[in-house]
Every structure is written in structure tokens, then in C-alpha cells.
PDB file of all heavy atoms in Angstrom:
ATOM      1  N   ASP A   1       0.820  -1.208   0.000  1.00  0.00           N
ATOM      2  CA  ASP A   1       0.000   0.000   0.000  1.00  0.00           C
ATOM      3  C   ASP A   1       0.855   1.259   0.000  1.00  0.00           C
ATOM      4  O   ASP A   1       0.515   2.250  -0.638  1.00  0.00           O
ATOM      5  CB  ASP A   1      -0.921   0.009   1.223  1.00  0.00           C
ATOM      6  CG  ASP A   1      -2.009  -1.050   1.125  1.00  0.00           C
ATOM      7  OD1 ASP A   1      -2.271  -1.524   0.001  1.00  0.00           O
ATOM      8  OD2 ASP A   1      -2.578  -1.400   2.175  1.00  0.00           O
ATOM      9  N   ILE A   2       1.973   1.211   0.719  1.00  0.00           N
ATOM     10  CA  ILE A   2       2.866   2.370   0.753  1.00  0.00           C
ATOM     11  C   ILE A   2       3.444   2.643  -0.634  1.00  0.00           C
ATOM     12  O   ILE A   2       3.500   3.782  -1.091  1.00  0.00           O
ATOM     13  CB  ILE A   2       3.986   2.155   1.794  1.00  0.00           C
ATOM     14  CG1 ILE A   2       3.405   2.249   3.204  1.00  0.00           C
ATOM     15  CG2 ILE A   2       5.110   3.174   1.613  1.00  0.00           C
ATOM     16  CD1 ILE A   2       4.372   1.868   4.298  1.00  0.00           C
ATOM     17  N   PHE A   3       3.844   1.591  -1.343  1.00  0.00           N
ATOM     18  CA  PHE A   3       4.409   1.799  -2.676  1.00  0.00           C
ATOM     19  C   PHE A   3       3.352   2.285  -3.654  1.00  0.00           C
ATOM     20  O   PHE A   3       3.646   3.040  -4.583  1.00  0.00           O
ATOM     21  CB  PHE A   3       5.069   0.525  -3.196  1.00  0.00           C
ATOM     22  CG  PHE A   3       6.465   0.339  -2.668  1.00  0.00           C
ATOM     23  CD1 PHE A   3       6.771  -0.725  -1.849  1.00  0.00           C
ATOM     24  CD2 PHE A   3       7.473   1.229  -2.996  1.00  0.00           C
ATOM     25  CE1 PHE A   3       8.049  -0.901  -1.353  1.00  0.00           C
ATOM     26  CE2 PHE A   3       8.758   1.071  -2.514  1.00  0.00           C
ATOM     27  CZ  PHE A   3       9.044  -0.001  -1.693  1.00  0.00           C
ATOM     28  N   LYS A   4       2.105   1.869  -3.470  1.00  0.00           N
ATOM     29  CA  LYS A   4       1.036   2.373  -4.332  1.00  0.00           C
ATOM     30  C   LYS A   4       0.807   3.861  -4.081  1.00  0.00           C
ATOM     31  O   LYS A   4       0.493   4.605  -5.004  1.00  0.00           O
ATOM     32  CB  LYS A   4      -0.260   1.605  -4.062  1.00  0.00           C
ATOM     33  CG  LYS A   4      -0.275   0.229  -4.632  1.00  0.00           C
ATOM     34  CD  LYS A   4      -1.595  -0.459  -4.312  1.00  0.00           C
ATOM     35  CE  LYS A   4      -1.554  -1.907  -4.700  1.00  0.00           C
ATOM     36  NZ  LYS A   4      -2.771  -2.623  -4.278  1.00  0.00           N
ATOM     37  N   ALA A   5       0.924   4.299  -2.853  1.00  0.00           N
ATOM     38  CA  ALA A   5       0.662   5.696  -2.511  1.00  0.00           C
ATOM     39  C   ALA A   5       1.792   6.622  -2.945  1.00  0.00           C
ATOM     40  O   ALA A   5       1.567   7.794  -3.193  1.00  0.00           O
ATOM     41  CB  ALA A   5       0.436   5.828  -1.007  1.00  0.00           C
ATOM     42  N   GLY A   6       2.994   6.107  -3.004  1.00  0.00           N
ATOM     43  CA  GLY A   6       4.120   6.934  -3.415  1.00  0.00           C
ATOM     44  C   GLY A   6       5.232   6.932  -2.383  1.00  0.00           C
ATOM     45  O   GLY A   6       5.032   6.592  -1.218  1.00  0.00           O
ATOM     46  N   MET A   7       6.417   7.320  -2.859  1.00  0.00           N
ATOM     47  CA  MET A   7       7.596   7.241  -2.006  1.00  0.00           C
ATOM     48  C   MET A   7       7.514   8.202  -0.822  1.00  0.00           C
ATOM     49  O   MET A   7       7.829   7.832   0.308  1.00  0.00           O
ATOM     50  CB  MET A   7       8.854   7.544  -2.822  1.00  0.00           C
ATOM     51  CG  MET A   7      10.124   7.386  -2.008  1.00  0.00           C
ATOM     52  SD  MET A   7      11.589   7.852  -2.919  1.00  0.00           S
ATOM     53  CE  MET A   7      11.565   9.617  -2.736  1.00  0.00           C
ATOM     54  N   TRP A   8       7.083   9.437  -1.031  1.00  0.00           N
ATOM     55  CA  TRP A   8       7.087  10.414   0.059  1.00  0.00           C
ATOM     56  C   TRP A   8       6.066  10.072   1.125  1.00  0.00           C
ATOM     57  O   TRP A   8       6.301  10.300   2.309  1.00  0.00           O
ATOM     58  CB  TRP A   8       6.884  11.816  -0.484  1.00  0.00           C
ATOM     59  CG  TRP A   8       8.117  12.288  -1.173  1.00  0.00           C
ATOM     60  CD1 TRP A   8       8.279  12.492  -2.511  1.00  0.00           C
ATOM     61  CD2 TRP A   8       9.387  12.557  -0.574  1.00  0.00           C
ATOM     62  NE1 TRP A   8       9.568  12.877  -2.761  1.00  0.00           N
ATOM     63  CE2 TRP A   8      10.271  12.930  -1.601  1.00  0.00           C
ATOM     64  CE3 TRP A   8       9.869  12.516   0.728  1.00  0.00           C
ATOM     65  CZ2 TRP A   8      11.589  13.259  -1.359  1.00  0.00           C
ATOM     66  CZ3 TRP A   8      11.189  12.837   0.973  1.00  0.00           C
ATOM     67  CH2 TRP A   8      12.027  13.213  -0.065  1.00  0.00           C
ATOM     68  N   VAL A   9       4.942   9.522   0.711  1.00  0.00           N
ATOM     69  CA  VAL A   9       3.959   9.071   1.700  1.00  0.00           C
ATOM     70  C   VAL A   9       4.566   7.949   2.531  1.00  0.00           C
ATOM     71  O   VAL A   9       4.403   7.894   3.753  1.00  0.00           O
ATOM     72  CB  VAL A   9       2.665   8.610   1.005  1.00  0.00           C
ATOM     73  CG1 VAL A   9       1.708   8.002   2.013  1.00  0.00           C
ATOM     74  CG2 VAL A   9       2.007   9.767   0.282  1.00  0.00           C
ATOM     75  N   GLY A  10       5.307   7.063   1.886  1.00  0.00           N
ATOM     76  CA  GLY A  10       5.979   5.982   2.598  1.00  0.00           C
ATOM     77  C   GLY A  10       6.997   6.494   3.591  1.00  0.00           C
ATOM     78  O   GLY A  10       7.089   5.999   4.714  1.00  0.00           O
ATOM     79  N   VAL A  11       7.761   7.509   3.196  1.00  0.00           N
ATOM     80  CA  VAL A  11       8.753   8.092   4.098  1.00  0.00           C
ATOM     81  C   VAL A  11       8.061   8.706   5.310  1.00  0.00           C
ATOM     82  O   VAL A  11       8.488   8.516   6.452  1.00  0.00           O
ATOM     83  CB  VAL A  11       9.608   9.146   3.348  1.00  0.00           C
ATOM     84  CG1 VAL A  11      10.455   9.946   4.308  1.00  0.00           C
ATOM     85  CG2 VAL A  11      10.472   8.466   2.303  1.00  0.00           C
ATOM     86  N   ILE A  12       6.973   9.424   5.081  1.00  0.00           N
ATOM     87  CA  ILE A  12       6.236  10.052   6.181  1.00  0.00           C
ATOM     88  C   ILE A  12       5.659   8.994   7.119  1.00  0.00           C
ATOM     89  O   ILE A  12       5.723   9.135   8.348  1.00  0.00           O
ATOM     90  CB  ILE A  12       5.137  10.981   5.626  1.00  0.00           C
ATOM     91  CG1 ILE A  12       5.780  12.176   4.935  1.00  0.00           C
ATOM     92  CG2 ILE A  12       4.186  11.432   6.721  1.00  0.00           C
ATOM     93  CD1 ILE A  12       4.826  13.026   4.142  1.00  0.00           C
ATOM     94  N   VAL A  13       5.114   7.917   6.558  1.00  0.00           N
ATOM     95  CA  VAL A  13       4.544   6.846   7.381  1.00  0.00           C
ATOM     96  C   VAL A  13       5.631   6.187   8.223  1.00  0.00           C
ATOM     97  O   VAL A  13       5.441   5.927   9.416  1.00  0.00           O
ATOM     98  CB  VAL A  13       3.806   5.813   6.501  1.00  0.00           C
ATOM     99  CG1 VAL A  13       3.453   4.572   7.289  1.00  0.00           C
ATOM    100  CG2 VAL A  13       2.563   6.426   5.897  1.00  0.00           C
ATOM    101  N   VAL A  14       6.783   5.917   7.628  1.00  0.00           N
ATOM    102  CA  VAL A  14       7.880   5.283   8.369  1.00  0.00           C
ATOM    103  C   VAL A  14       8.354   6.185   9.505  1.00  0.00           C
ATOM    104  O   VAL A  14       8.559   5.727  10.632  1.00  0.00           O
ATOM    105  CB  VAL A  14       9.040   4.929   7.412  1.00  0.00           C
ATOM    106  CG1 VAL A  14      10.281   4.541   8.182  1.00  0.00           C
ATOM    107  CG2 VAL A  14       8.623   3.801   6.482  1.00  0.00           C
ATOM    108  N   ILE A  15       8.511   7.469   9.234  1.00  0.00           N
ATOM    109  CA  ILE A  15       8.933   8.408  10.278  1.00  0.00           C
ATOM    110  C   ILE A  15       7.880   8.475  11.386  1.00  0.00           C
ATOM    111  O   ILE A  15       8.220   8.503  12.577  1.00  0.00           O
ATOM    112  CB  ILE A  15       9.210   9.799   9.674  1.00  0.00           C
ATOM    113  CG1 ILE A  15      10.464   9.740   8.800  1.00  0.00           C
ATOM    114  CG2 ILE A  15       9.354  10.858  10.756  1.00  0.00           C
ATOM    115  CD1 ILE A  15      10.723  10.990   7.997  1.00  0.00           C
ATOM    116  N   ALA A  16       6.606   8.472  11.010  1.00  0.00           N
ATOM    117  CA  ALA A  16       5.541   8.526  12.017  1.00  0.00           C
ATOM    118  C   ALA A  16       5.544   7.267  12.886  1.00  0.00           C
ATOM    119  O   ALA A  16       5.377   7.347  14.113  1.00  0.00           O
ATOM    120  CB  ALA A  16       4.190   8.691  11.329  1.00  0.00           C
ATOM    121  N   VAL A  17       5.749   6.105  12.281  1.00  0.00           N
ATOM    122  CA  VAL A  17       5.771   4.858  13.050  1.00  0.00           C
ATOM    123  C   VAL A  17       6.968   4.827  13.993  1.00  0.00           C
ATOM    124  O   VAL A  17       6.841   4.444  15.161  1.00  0.00           O
ATOM    125  CB  VAL A  17       5.775   3.636  12.103  1.00  0.00           C
ATOM    126  CG1 VAL A  17       6.078   2.347  12.851  1.00  0.00           C
ATOM    127  CG2 VAL A  17       4.440   3.529  11.386  1.00  0.00           C
ATOM    128  N   ILE A  18       8.128   5.254  13.517  1.00  0.00           N
ATOM    129  CA  ILE A  18       9.316   5.290  14.375  1.00  0.00           C
ATOM    130  C   ILE A  18       9.098   6.267  15.532  1.00  0.00           C
ATOM    131  O   ILE A  18       9.431   5.972  16.684  1.00  0.00           O
ATOM    132  CB  ILE A  18      10.567   5.655  13.553  1.00  0.00           C
ATOM    133  CG1 ILE A  18      10.923   4.508  12.616  1.00  0.00           C
ATOM    134  CG2 ILE A  18      11.750   5.984  14.460  1.00  0.00           C
ATOM    135  CD1 ILE A  18      12.008   4.833  11.619  1.00  0.00           C
ATOM    136  N   GLY A  19       8.518   7.414  15.247  1.00  0.00           N
ATOM    137  CA  GLY A  19       8.214   8.377  16.302  1.00  0.00           C
ATOM    138  C   GLY A  19       7.237   7.818  17.319  1.00  0.00           C
ATOM    139  O   GLY A  19       7.388   8.016  18.528  1.00  0.00           O
ATOM    140  N   LEU A  20       6.226   7.096  16.854  1.00  0.00           N
ATOM    141  CA  LEU A  20       5.256   6.474  17.757  1.00  0.00           C
ATOM    142  C   LEU A  20       5.911   5.439  18.652  1.00  0.00           C
ATOM    143  O   LEU A  20       5.653   5.392  19.860  1.00  0.00           O
ATOM    144  CB  LEU A  20       4.124   5.836  16.954  1.00  0.00           C
ATOM    145  CG  LEU A  20       3.049   5.118  17.760  1.00  0.00           C
ATOM    146  CD1 LEU A  20       2.268   6.119  18.600  1.00  0.00           C
ATOM    147  CD2 LEU A  20       2.136   4.348  16.840  1.00  0.00           C
ATOM    148  N   ILE A  21       6.787   4.638  18.089  1.00  0.00           N
ATOM    149  CA  ILE A  21       7.490   3.617  18.878  1.00  0.00           C
ATOM    150  C   ILE A  21       8.372   4.275  19.930  1.00  0.00           C
ATOM    151  O   ILE A  21       8.383   3.859  21.090  1.00  0.00           O
ATOM    152  CB  ILE A  21       8.302   2.687  17.955  1.00  0.00           C
ATOM    153  CG1 ILE A  21       7.349   1.818  17.122  1.00  0.00           C
ATOM    154  CG2 ILE A  21       9.255   1.814  18.761  1.00  0.00           C
ATOM    155  CD1 ILE A  21       8.020   1.033  16.032  1.00  0.00           C
ATOM    156  N   ILE A  22       9.107   5.324  19.555  1.00  0.00           N
ATOM    157  CA  ILE A  22       9.966   6.025  20.516  1.00  0.00           C
ATOM    158  C   ILE A  22       9.117   6.654  21.616  1.00  0.00           C
ATOM    159  O   ILE A  22       9.458   6.586  22.797  1.00  0.00           O
ATOM    160  CB  ILE A  22      10.829   7.078  19.796  1.00  0.00           C
ATOM    161  CG1 ILE A  22      11.865   6.378  18.919  1.00  0.00           C
ATOM    162  CG2 ILE A  22      11.503   8.022  20.789  1.00  0.00           C
ATOM    163  CD1 ILE A  22      12.616   7.309  17.995  1.00  0.00           C
ATOM    164  N   TRP A  23       7.979   7.245  21.252  1.00  0.00           N
ATOM    165  CA  TRP A  23       7.094   7.847  22.240  1.00  0.00           C
ATOM    166  C   TRP A  23       6.544   6.802  23.211  1.00  0.00           C
ATOM    167  O   TRP A  23       6.503   7.020  24.416  1.00  0.00           O
ATOM    168  CB  TRP A  23       5.950   8.570  21.523  1.00  0.00           C
ATOM    169  CG  TRP A  23       4.977   9.205  22.455  1.00  0.00           C
ATOM    170  CD1 TRP A  23       5.147  10.342  23.172  1.00  0.00           C
ATOM    171  CD2 TRP A  23       3.685   8.715  22.760  1.00  0.00           C
ATOM    172  NE1 TRP A  23       4.027  10.589  23.901  1.00  0.00           N
ATOM    173  CE2 TRP A  23       3.103   9.615  23.675  1.00  0.00           C
ATOM    174  CE3 TRP A  23       2.935   7.622  22.342  1.00  0.00           C
ATOM    175  CZ2 TRP A  23       1.820   9.451  24.181  1.00  0.00           C
ATOM    176  CZ3 TRP A  23       1.669   7.443  22.850  1.00  0.00           C
ATOM    177  CH2 TRP A  23       1.129   8.345  23.756  1.00  0.00           C
ATOM    178  N   LEU A  24       6.127   5.636  22.680  1.00  0.00           N
ATOM    179  CA  LEU A  24       5.621   4.576  23.557  1.00  0.00           C
ATOM    180  C   LEU A  24       6.691   4.047  24.494  1.00  0.00           C
ATOM    181  O   LEU A  24       6.420   3.821  25.674  1.00  0.00           O
ATOM    182  CB  LEU A  24       5.057   3.420  22.710  1.00  0.00           C
ATOM    183  CG  LEU A  24       3.717   3.690  22.044  1.00  0.00           C
ATOM    184  CD1 LEU A  24       3.366   2.560  21.075  1.00  0.00           C
ATOM    185  CD2 LEU A  24       2.627   3.855  23.098  1.00  0.00           C
ATOM    186  N   ILE A  25       7.903   3.878  23.990  1.00  0.00           N
ATOM    187  CA  ILE A  25       8.987   3.394  24.836  1.00  0.00           C
ATOM    188  C   ILE A  25       9.289   4.408  25.936  1.00  0.00           C
ATOM    189  O   ILE A  25       9.487   4.045  27.090  1.00  0.00           O
ATOM    190  CB  ILE A  25      10.250   3.088  23.994  1.00  0.00           C
ATOM    191  CG1 ILE A  25       9.995   1.854  23.127  1.00  0.00           C
ATOM    192  CG2 ILE A  25      11.469   2.881  24.882  1.00  0.00           C
ATOM    193  CD1 ILE A  25      11.086   1.586  22.118  1.00  0.00           C
ATOM    194  N   SER A  26       9.292   5.687  25.592  1.00  0.00           N
ATOM    195  CA  SER A  26       9.582   6.707  26.607  1.00  0.00           C
ATOM    196  C   SER A  26       8.475   6.765  27.659  1.00  0.00           C
ATOM    197  O   SER A  26       8.749   7.038  28.818  1.00  0.00           O
ATOM    198  CB  SER A  26       9.773   8.072  25.959  1.00  0.00           C
ATOM    199  OG  SER A  26       8.550   8.552  25.431  1.00  0.00           O
ATOM    200  N   ARG A  27       7.244   6.489  27.293  1.00  0.00           N
ATOM    201  CA  ARG A  27       6.140   6.492  28.274  1.00  0.00           C
ATOM    202  C   ARG A  27       6.226   5.307  29.213  1.00  0.00           C
ATOM    203  O   ARG A  27       5.869   5.410  30.379  1.00  0.00           O
ATOM    204  CB  ARG A  27       4.794   6.459  27.549  1.00  0.00           C
ATOM    205  CG  ARG A  27       4.543   7.730  26.812  1.00  0.00           C
ATOM    206  CD  ARG A  27       3.181   8.208  26.825  1.00  0.00           C
ATOM    207  NE  ARG A  27       2.325   7.670  27.849  1.00  0.00           N
ATOM    208  CZ  ARG A  27       1.348   8.325  28.382  1.00  0.00           C
ATOM    209  NH1 ARG A  27       1.130   9.549  28.002  1.00  0.00           N
ATOM    210  NH2 ARG A  27       0.547   7.782  29.271  1.00  0.00           N
ATOM    211  N   PHE A  28       6.673   4.149  28.723  1.00  0.00           N
ATOM    212  CA  PHE A  28       6.745   2.964  29.560  1.00  0.00           C
ATOM    213  C   PHE A  28       7.949   2.983  30.496  1.00  0.00           C
ATOM    214  O   PHE A  28       7.984   2.290  31.482  1.00  0.00           O
ATOM    215  CB  PHE A  28       6.792   1.689  28.710  1.00  0.00           C
ATOM    216  CG  PHE A  28       5.448   1.315  28.157  1.00  0.00           C
ATOM    217  CD1 PHE A  28       5.262   1.181  26.796  1.00  0.00           C
ATOM    218  CD2 PHE A  28       4.374   1.104  28.982  1.00  0.00           C
ATOM    219  CE1 PHE A  28       4.027   0.838  26.270  1.00  0.00           C
ATOM    220  CE2 PHE A  28       3.132   0.763  28.489  1.00  0.00           C
ATOM    221  CZ  PHE A  28       2.957   0.627  27.127  1.00  0.00           C
ATOM    222  N   ARG A  29       8.962   3.775  30.208  1.00  0.00           N
ATOM    223  CA  ARG A  29      10.160   3.822  31.050  1.00  0.00           C
ATOM    224  C   ARG A  29       9.948   4.642  32.311  1.00  0.00           C
ATOM    225  O   ARG A  29      10.728   4.540  33.235  1.00  0.00           O
ATOM    226  CB  ARG A  29      11.342   4.389  30.276  1.00  0.00           C
ATOM    227  CG  ARG A  29      11.836   3.400  29.248  1.00  0.00           C
ATOM    228  CD  ARG A  29      13.163   3.823  28.743  1.00  0.00           C
ATOM    229  NE  ARG A  29      13.627   2.776  27.838  1.00  0.00           N
ATOM    230  CZ  ARG A  29      14.871   2.400  27.766  1.00  0.00           C
ATOM    231  NH1 ARG A  29      15.774   2.974  28.516  1.00  0.00           N
ATOM    232  NH2 ARG A  29      15.217   1.457  26.937  1.00  0.00           N
TER     233      ARG A  29
END
């Protein structure tokens, strides 16, 4: 689905997911 939407959408989604994971880890610590 990311490749169908385009490269920049994929980059934004990946950055958002990484940010979400970092935020969740910081909340659990």
C-alpha cells in the first residue's frame, strides 16, 4: 500500500511509526 501511494507518503509513514514507537517506549520507562 505504501508503494502504491508513493515514495514520500511511505517516508512520512515510516517516520511517524518510528516516532510512535519512541514515544511509547519513553512512556513505559
